[in-house]
Protein backbone atom coordinates (compact mmCIF):
# COMPACT_ATOMS: atom_id res chain seq x y z
CA MET A 1 -7.05 -62.97 209.98
CA LYS A 2 -9.23 -61.03 212.35
CA ASN A 3 -7.33 -57.82 211.53
CA MET A 4 -7.74 -58.40 207.83
CA GLY A 5 -11.47 -58.93 208.29
CA PHE A 6 -11.76 -55.68 210.23
CA LEU A 7 -9.79 -53.76 207.60
CA ASN A 8 -11.97 -55.17 204.84
CA LYS A 9 -15.10 -54.04 206.67
CA LEU A 10 -13.55 -50.58 207.15
CA LYS A 11 -12.67 -50.48 203.44
CA SER A 12 -16.32 -51.18 202.57
CA LEU A 13 -17.26 -47.91 204.28
CA ASP A 14 -15.18 -45.83 201.81
CA ALA A 15 -17.46 -43.09 200.46
CA TYR A 16 -14.82 -42.04 197.94
CA PRO A 17 -14.26 -45.06 195.65
CA LYS A 18 -11.26 -44.64 193.36
CA ILE A 19 -11.45 -45.04 189.59
CA ASN A 20 -8.59 -46.38 187.56
CA GLU A 21 -6.90 -43.65 185.55
CA ASP A 22 -7.40 -45.70 182.41
CA PHE A 23 -11.10 -44.95 182.68
CA TYR A 24 -10.69 -41.15 183.07
CA LYS A 25 -11.69 -38.97 180.15
CA ARG A 26 -10.48 -35.38 180.25
CA THR A 27 -12.23 -32.68 178.20
CA LEU A 28 -11.47 -29.07 177.22
CA SER A 29 -14.66 -27.80 178.88
CA GLY A 30 -13.68 -29.61 182.09
CA GLY A 31 -10.25 -27.93 182.09
CA ILE A 32 -11.79 -24.47 181.61
CA ILE A 33 -14.32 -25.04 184.39
CA THR A 34 -11.56 -26.30 186.73
CA ALA A 35 -9.42 -23.19 186.05
CA ILE A 36 -12.38 -20.88 186.66
CA SER A 37 -13.27 -22.78 189.86
CA ALA A 38 -9.72 -22.39 191.17
CA VAL A 39 -9.81 -18.62 190.57
CA VAL A 40 -13.21 -18.31 192.26
CA ILE A 41 -12.02 -20.34 195.26
CA LEU A 42 -8.90 -18.15 195.55
CA LEU A 43 -10.92 -14.91 195.46
CA LEU A 44 -13.41 -16.20 198.03
CA PHE A 45 -10.53 -17.41 200.21
CA PHE A 46 -8.95 -13.93 200.31
CA SER A 47 -12.35 -12.32 200.92
CA GLU A 48 -13.15 -14.63 203.81
CA THR A 49 -9.67 -14.19 205.29
CA ARG A 50 -10.04 -10.39 205.14
CA LEU A 51 -13.37 -10.60 206.97
CA TYR A 52 -11.85 -12.92 209.57
CA LEU A 53 -8.96 -10.53 210.28
CA LYS A 54 -11.33 -7.54 210.45
CA THR A 55 -12.99 -6.80 213.79
CA ALA A 56 -16.75 -7.32 213.83
CA THR A 57 -18.96 -4.74 215.58
CA GLU A 58 -22.15 -5.83 217.28
CA THR A 59 -24.82 -3.15 217.79
CA ASN A 60 -27.60 -3.28 220.38
CA LEU A 61 -30.31 -0.79 221.39
CA VAL A 62 -31.48 -0.60 225.02
CA VAL A 63 -33.48 1.85 227.14
CA ASP A 64 -31.24 4.36 228.90
CA THR A 65 -32.00 4.00 232.62
CA SER A 66 -29.08 6.08 233.93
CA ARG A 67 -29.92 8.91 236.34
CA GLY A 68 -28.09 11.82 237.89
CA GLU A 69 -25.07 11.63 235.62
CA ARG A 70 -22.83 14.52 234.56
CA LEU A 71 -21.58 15.15 231.05
CA LEU A 72 -18.52 16.90 229.61
CA VAL A 73 -19.22 18.96 226.49
CA TYR A 74 -16.00 19.51 224.51
CA PHE A 75 -15.97 22.42 222.08
CA ASP A 76 -13.69 24.52 219.91
CA VAL A 77 -15.38 27.46 218.17
CA THR A 78 -13.87 30.34 216.19
CA PHE A 79 -15.50 33.79 215.85
CA PRO A 80 -13.39 35.79 213.37
CA GLU A 81 -15.36 39.03 213.95
CA VAL A 82 -15.92 39.03 217.74
CA PRO A 83 -13.13 40.04 220.17
CA CYS A 84 -12.50 37.83 223.19
CA THR A 85 -13.25 40.62 225.65
CA LEU A 86 -16.87 40.81 224.50
CA LEU A 87 -17.49 37.07 224.23
CA SER A 88 -19.10 35.09 227.04
CA VAL A 89 -20.09 31.42 227.43
CA ASP A 90 -23.20 30.55 229.43
CA THR A 91 -25.07 27.31 230.16
CA GLN A 92 -28.49 26.53 231.57
CA ASP A 93 -30.75 23.48 231.71
CA ILE A 94 -34.35 22.53 232.50
CA SER A 95 -33.43 21.60 236.08
CA GLY A 96 -32.69 25.28 236.77
CA GLU A 97 -28.89 24.99 236.86
CA GLN A 98 -27.38 28.14 235.34
CA HIS A 99 -23.81 29.30 234.83
CA TYR A 100 -23.04 32.70 233.34
CA ASP A 101 -19.80 33.94 231.82
CA ILE A 102 -17.98 30.66 232.49
CA ARG A 103 -14.23 31.09 232.86
CA HIS A 104 -12.80 27.81 234.21
CA ASP A 105 -11.64 24.94 231.94
CA ILE A 106 -11.76 27.27 228.93
CA THR A 107 -8.97 28.68 226.76
CA LYS A 108 -9.37 31.78 224.63
CA LYS A 109 -7.13 32.82 221.75
CA ARG A 110 -7.11 36.34 220.39
CA LEU A 111 -7.01 36.18 216.60
CA HIS A 112 -5.57 38.70 214.16
CA VAL A 113 -7.72 39.81 211.25
CA HIS A 114 -5.72 37.39 209.07
CA GLY A 115 -6.41 34.49 211.44
CA HIS A 116 -3.10 33.96 213.24
CA VAL A 117 -3.05 33.78 217.04
CA ILE A 118 -2.08 36.96 218.89
CA GLU A 119 -2.36 35.63 222.42
CA ALA A 120 -3.60 32.45 224.12
CA THR A 121 -4.58 32.43 227.80
CA ARG A 122 -6.40 30.16 230.24
CA ASP A 123 -7.34 32.91 232.67
CA GLY A 124 -10.98 32.90 231.66
CA ILE A 125 -13.08 34.15 228.84
CA GLY A 126 -15.16 37.24 228.25
CA ALA A 127 -15.16 40.54 230.07
CA PRO A 128 -15.50 40.89 233.82
CA LYS A 129 -19.10 41.17 234.87
CA ILE A 130 -20.04 44.82 234.34
CA ASP A 131 -22.84 45.63 236.75
CA ARG A 132 -24.47 48.98 237.11
CA PRO A 133 -22.08 51.42 238.81
CA LEU A 134 -21.84 51.14 242.59
CA GLN A 135 -23.21 54.23 244.33
CA LYS A 136 -21.86 55.85 247.46
CA HIS A 137 -24.93 54.80 249.45
CA GLY A 138 -24.17 51.13 248.68
CA GLY A 139 -26.77 50.49 246.01
CA ARG A 140 -26.47 50.35 242.23
CA LEU A 141 -27.10 53.26 239.92
CA GLU A 142 -30.76 53.47 238.97
CA HIS A 143 -32.18 55.15 235.89
CA ASP A 144 -32.45 58.97 236.06
CA GLU A 145 -30.23 58.95 239.18
CA LYS A 146 -27.08 61.05 239.49
CA TYR A 147 -23.94 58.97 239.73
CA CYS A 148 -21.79 59.40 242.83
CA GLY A 149 -19.27 56.58 243.05
CA THR A 150 -18.20 55.13 246.38
CA CYS A 151 -14.69 55.73 247.69
CA TYR A 152 -14.84 52.56 249.80
CA GLY A 153 -14.43 54.45 253.09
CA ALA A 154 -11.68 56.80 251.88
CA GLU A 155 -13.97 59.85 251.64
CA VAL A 156 -12.66 63.05 253.25
CA THR A 157 -16.09 64.71 253.24
CA GLU A 158 -19.60 63.25 253.21
CA ASP A 159 -20.38 64.58 249.74
CA GLN A 160 -17.11 63.36 248.16
CA CYS A 161 -17.56 61.03 245.16
CA CYS A 162 -15.04 58.78 243.42
CA ASN A 163 -16.41 58.49 239.89
CA ASN A 164 -13.33 57.00 238.26
CA CYS A 165 -10.29 54.91 239.12
CA GLU A 166 -7.95 57.91 239.35
CA GLU A 167 -10.14 59.70 241.92
CA LEU A 168 -10.34 56.52 244.00
CA GLN A 169 -6.55 56.06 243.99
CA GLU A 170 -6.08 59.69 245.00
CA ALA A 171 -8.49 59.26 247.92
CA TYR A 172 -6.58 56.18 249.12
CA LYS A 173 -3.25 58.06 248.92
CA LYS A 174 -4.62 60.94 251.01
CA LYS A 175 -5.71 58.42 253.66
CA GLY A 176 -2.32 56.71 253.50
CA TRP A 177 -3.97 53.37 252.72
CA ALA A 178 -2.46 50.64 250.58
CA LEU A 179 -4.13 50.24 247.20
CA PRO A 180 -6.29 47.11 246.86
CA ASN A 181 -6.51 44.87 243.81
CA LEU A 182 -7.75 47.32 241.19
CA ASP A 183 -9.49 44.55 239.23
CA LEU A 184 -11.90 44.20 242.16
CA ILE A 185 -12.72 47.89 242.29
CA ASP A 186 -15.89 48.84 240.39
CA GLN A 187 -14.56 52.00 238.73
CA CYS A 188 -11.21 50.47 237.75
CA ALA A 189 -12.76 47.29 236.38
CA ARG A 190 -15.09 49.35 234.18
CA GLU A 191 -12.27 51.46 232.80
CA SER A 192 -10.09 48.38 232.20
CA PHE A 193 -12.98 46.80 230.29
CA VAL A 194 -13.28 49.82 228.02
CA GLU A 195 -9.53 49.82 227.36
CA ARG A 196 -9.56 46.15 226.39
CA VAL A 197 -12.50 46.62 224.04
CA LYS A 198 -10.67 49.43 222.28
CA ALA A 199 -7.40 47.44 222.14
CA GLN A 200 -9.10 44.37 220.63
CA GLN A 201 -11.22 46.19 218.07
CA GLY A 202 -11.20 44.29 214.76
CA GLU A 203 -9.89 41.06 216.30
CA GLY A 204 -11.47 37.63 216.40
CA CYS A 205 -11.58 34.95 219.08
CA ASN A 206 -11.15 31.20 219.30
CA VAL A 207 -12.87 29.58 222.29
CA GLY A 208 -12.03 26.04 223.35
CA GLY A 209 -12.35 23.78 226.36
CA PHE A 210 -15.08 21.78 228.04
CA LEU A 211 -18.22 22.36 230.11
CA ASP A 212 -19.46 20.16 232.94
CA VAL A 213 -23.25 19.95 232.63
CA SER A 214 -26.05 17.77 233.99
CA LYS A 215 -27.37 14.99 231.76
CA VAL A 216 -30.68 16.76 231.13
CA ALA A 217 -31.94 18.98 228.32
CA GLY A 218 -30.25 22.37 228.26
CA ASN A 219 -28.39 24.87 226.11
CA VAL A 220 -25.01 26.50 225.66
CA HIS A 221 -24.78 30.20 224.69
CA PHE A 222 -21.92 31.96 222.96
CA MET A 223 -23.01 35.56 223.39
CA PRO A 224 -20.93 38.56 222.28
CA GLY A 225 -21.34 41.66 224.42
CA LYS A 226 -23.46 39.97 227.06
CA GLY A 227 -21.57 41.35 230.02
CA TYR A 228 -21.87 44.85 228.53
CA HIS A 229 -25.57 44.63 227.71
CA HIS A 230 -26.60 43.07 231.03
CA SER A 231 -25.19 46.02 232.91
CA ASN A 232 -27.98 48.23 231.51
CA VAL A 233 -25.48 51.07 231.45
CA GLN A 234 -24.44 53.19 228.48
CA LEU A 235 -20.68 53.64 228.57
CA GLN A 236 -19.96 56.81 226.62
CA GLU A 237 -16.45 55.59 225.86
CA LEU A 238 -17.92 52.69 223.85
CA SER A 239 -20.40 54.72 221.85
CA GLU A 240 -18.06 54.72 218.84
CA PHE A 241 -18.33 50.90 218.58
CA ASN A 242 -21.38 49.20 217.12
CA LEU A 243 -22.12 46.88 220.05
CA ASP A 244 -25.70 46.19 219.02
CA ASN A 245 -24.95 44.54 215.66
CA PHE A 246 -22.36 41.79 215.97
CA ASN A 247 -21.16 39.66 213.09
CA ILE A 248 -21.56 36.11 214.43
CA THR A 249 -19.84 34.35 211.54
CA HIS A 250 -18.35 31.27 213.13
CA THR A 251 -16.69 27.89 212.58
CA ILE A 252 -17.26 24.93 214.91
CA ASN A 253 -13.91 23.17 214.77
CA LYS A 254 -15.00 20.53 217.26
CA LEU A 255 -18.10 19.70 219.28
CA SER A 256 -18.63 16.44 221.16
CA PHE A 257 -20.71 15.27 224.09
CA GLY A 258 -18.24 13.09 225.95
CA GLN A 259 -15.11 11.30 224.73
CA LYS A 260 -14.51 10.68 221.06
CA ILE A 261 -15.64 7.27 219.79
CA PRO A 262 -13.21 5.63 217.30
CA GLY A 263 -14.52 5.74 213.77
CA VAL A 264 -17.36 8.17 214.54
CA VAL A 265 -17.32 11.66 212.96
CA ASN A 266 -19.46 14.22 214.74
CA PRO A 267 -21.75 16.10 212.32
CA LEU A 268 -20.70 19.59 213.43
CA ASP A 269 -16.92 19.10 213.30
CA GLY A 270 -15.68 21.67 210.79
CA ALA A 271 -19.14 23.25 210.31
CA MET A 272 -18.99 26.90 209.21
CA TRP A 273 -21.66 29.59 208.93
CA THR A 274 -21.16 33.05 207.44
CA GLN A 275 -23.40 35.99 208.29
CA THR A 276 -24.41 37.86 205.14
CA GLY A 277 -27.20 40.09 206.45
CA SER A 278 -28.30 41.63 209.72
CA SER A 279 -27.31 40.24 213.08
CA GLY A 280 -29.34 37.63 214.93
CA THR A 281 -29.15 34.31 216.78
CA TYR A 282 -27.90 31.17 215.05
CA GLN A 283 -29.42 28.10 216.69
CA TYR A 284 -28.36 24.45 216.68
CA PHE A 285 -30.91 21.88 217.86
CA ILE A 286 -29.14 18.68 218.88
CA LYS A 287 -30.53 15.27 219.78
CA VAL A 288 -27.93 13.42 221.85
CA VAL A 289 -27.90 9.59 221.81
CA PRO A 290 -26.06 7.96 224.76
CA THR A 291 -23.52 5.45 223.45
CA ILE A 292 -21.28 2.79 225.00
CA TYR A 293 -18.34 1.58 222.92
CA THR A 294 -16.30 -1.48 223.92
CA ASN A 295 -13.20 -2.36 221.90
CA VAL A 296 -11.63 -5.80 221.39
CA ALA A 297 -9.44 -5.39 224.48
CA GLY A 298 -12.53 -4.81 226.63
CA HIS A 299 -11.90 -1.09 227.19
CA GLU A 300 -15.24 0.70 227.56
CA ILE A 301 -15.97 4.27 226.50
CA LYS A 302 -19.18 5.94 227.68
CA SER A 303 -19.90 8.76 225.30
CA ASN A 304 -22.62 10.14 223.01
CA GLN A 305 -23.49 10.55 219.35
CA PHE A 306 -25.82 13.24 218.08
CA SER A 307 -27.85 14.55 215.17
CA VAL A 308 -28.43 18.23 214.50
CA THR A 309 -30.70 20.73 212.74
CA GLU A 310 -29.94 24.43 212.32
CA HIS A 311 -31.91 27.67 212.21
CA PHE A 312 -31.07 31.37 212.00
CA LYS A 313 -33.30 33.75 213.92
CA ASP A 314 -33.06 37.22 212.39
CA GLY A 315 -32.72 39.90 215.04
CA ASN A 316 -34.77 42.40 213.00
CA ILE A 317 -37.86 40.19 212.67
CA LYS A 318 -40.56 40.30 215.33
CA GLN A 319 -39.05 40.57 218.82
CA LYS A 320 -35.45 41.72 218.68
CA THR A 321 -33.05 39.03 219.88
CA GLN A 322 -29.50 39.31 221.10
CA ALA A 323 -26.82 38.25 218.64
CA GLY A 324 -25.06 34.99 219.37
CA VAL A 325 -24.84 31.25 218.81
CA VAL A 326 -27.03 28.95 220.89
CA ILE A 327 -26.73 25.15 221.07
CA TYR A 328 -29.90 23.47 222.34
CA TYR A 329 -29.42 19.83 223.31
CA ASP A 330 -31.76 17.09 224.47
CA PHE A 331 -31.19 13.39 225.23
CA SER A 332 -32.70 10.35 223.57
CA PRO A 333 -34.21 7.68 225.89
CA ILE A 334 -32.51 4.98 223.79
CA LYS A 335 -28.90 3.96 224.39
CA VAL A 336 -26.70 2.47 221.65
CA ILE A 337 -24.15 -0.20 222.60
CA PHE A 338 -21.27 -0.97 220.23
CA LYS A 339 -19.13 -4.01 221.01
CA GLU A 340 -16.13 -5.09 218.95
CA GLU A 341 -15.46 -8.82 218.68
CA ASN A 342 -12.97 -11.06 216.90
CA ARG A 343 -14.48 -13.68 214.60
CA SER A 344 -14.30 -17.35 215.63
CA PHE A 345 -11.53 -19.37 213.97
CA LEU A 346 -13.83 -22.40 213.75
CA HIS A 347 -16.40 -20.26 211.97
CA TYR A 348 -13.67 -19.10 209.57
CA LEU A 349 -12.56 -22.70 208.96
CA THR A 350 -16.15 -23.83 208.36
CA ASN A 351 -16.66 -21.08 205.79
CA LEU A 352 -13.47 -22.07 203.95
CA CYS A 353 -14.65 -25.69 203.75
CA ALA A 354 -18.04 -24.50 202.52
CA ILE A 355 -16.36 -22.39 199.84
CA VAL A 356 -14.15 -25.20 198.53
CA GLY A 357 -16.87 -27.84 198.66
CA GLY A 358 -19.56 -25.57 197.28
CA VAL A 359 -17.52 -24.34 194.33
CA PHE A 360 -16.36 -27.83 193.37
CA THR A 361 -19.89 -29.20 193.67
CA VAL A 362 -21.39 -26.49 191.49
CA ALA A 363 -18.48 -26.81 189.03
CA GLY A 364 -19.08 -30.58 188.84
CA ILE A 365 -22.75 -30.04 188.09
CA VAL A 366 -21.94 -27.52 185.36
CA ASP A 367 -19.25 -29.78 183.89
CA SER A 368 -21.59 -32.79 183.89
CA PHE A 369 -24.33 -30.75 182.22
CA ILE A 370 -21.95 -29.55 179.49
CA TYR A 371 -20.38 -33.00 178.96
CA HIS A 372 -23.67 -34.88 178.68
CA GLY A 373 -25.12 -32.09 176.57
CA GLN A 374 -22.26 -32.30 174.10
CA LYS A 375 -22.55 -36.11 174.09
CA ALA A 376 -26.28 -35.98 173.36
CA ILE A 377 -25.80 -33.48 170.54
CA LYS A 378 -23.03 -35.59 169.02
CA LYS A 379 -25.16 -38.74 169.20
CA LYS A 380 -28.08 -36.94 167.56
CA LYS A 381 -25.83 -35.81 164.71
CA ILE A 382 -24.68 -39.42 164.19
CA ASP A 383 -28.27 -40.64 164.14
CA LEU A 384 -29.23 -37.94 161.62
CA GLY A 385 -26.27 -38.97 159.46
CA LYS A 386 -27.50 -42.56 159.33
CA TYR A 387 -30.91 -41.56 157.99
CA THR A 388 -29.47 -39.21 155.43
């Protein structure tokens, strides 16, 4: 008896009283609304399931407080009209750190006029540094001074000069000395440079690799002919080449500041510029935004995103500038943090319940409105029929 009393009390709490089927009245409008509701629930179910299975990315902005960090700049640039021998890569920044004619961690590929690779090497890029010729007295050749090349101690007489590589080798043979590394000898290096320029005439160059720079504002220079021009020497053997008017048409195949972030496309990847007029300096002004990306597994990538503007500085306007491509970069004080997260299953389940309950509730309201509306109209017609 006590159990029956408890069950009766529990039954009185039923919020879903049942109606005998004999009292149900099914309508056409109710069937249509039910079918539409089922379709809507199904579509919303698939949509919510797709969102649940998809990784959510949370984005936060914080002040970048990092100091003294280094940064790897990855690049891959093609110059179809500049030979590798005349191309140099330089970096400098506002802290005073400078690197000229960088050779390490860089690969150069000599390109045929039709674009296929002739040769790929990792032994550096650009020509050897061509200084002013080394004089016999130990100094460098000055303007309006007669050239008398040093024989590096192999002179037979005090007034003997070694003005080319052949004369130097002959002097060493007369002394009975072993020949040193000719690439380190001033005269031989200069002649080798001239030979390479002549051999690579009409070729292009692809430059790729990475640069280790400080995390401060700076710039990267791709300068054709820099080693030649900085020597301040006119090599008669190169007078037949137009080394003062380079075609700096180029394609940036890849440029990134740090590791690649999944799903992020850098704005200069695949960028191409074609020179149609006189030579000059093509400038890229880049604003780098430090970025931290953490995937679902918790793996963290510290990298950077960037925006860019471009400008061409004509070498024939105002002060004459050296031909080349210059990338100026600066860092934003704001850091972006991306964090991937999986959605909560309980949140997914709550949304499904809200979808089912919400659709059925709205459908019930619509059905009730239609049913009572039709009933009222029908009653009004009956009333009008009585009076007529």
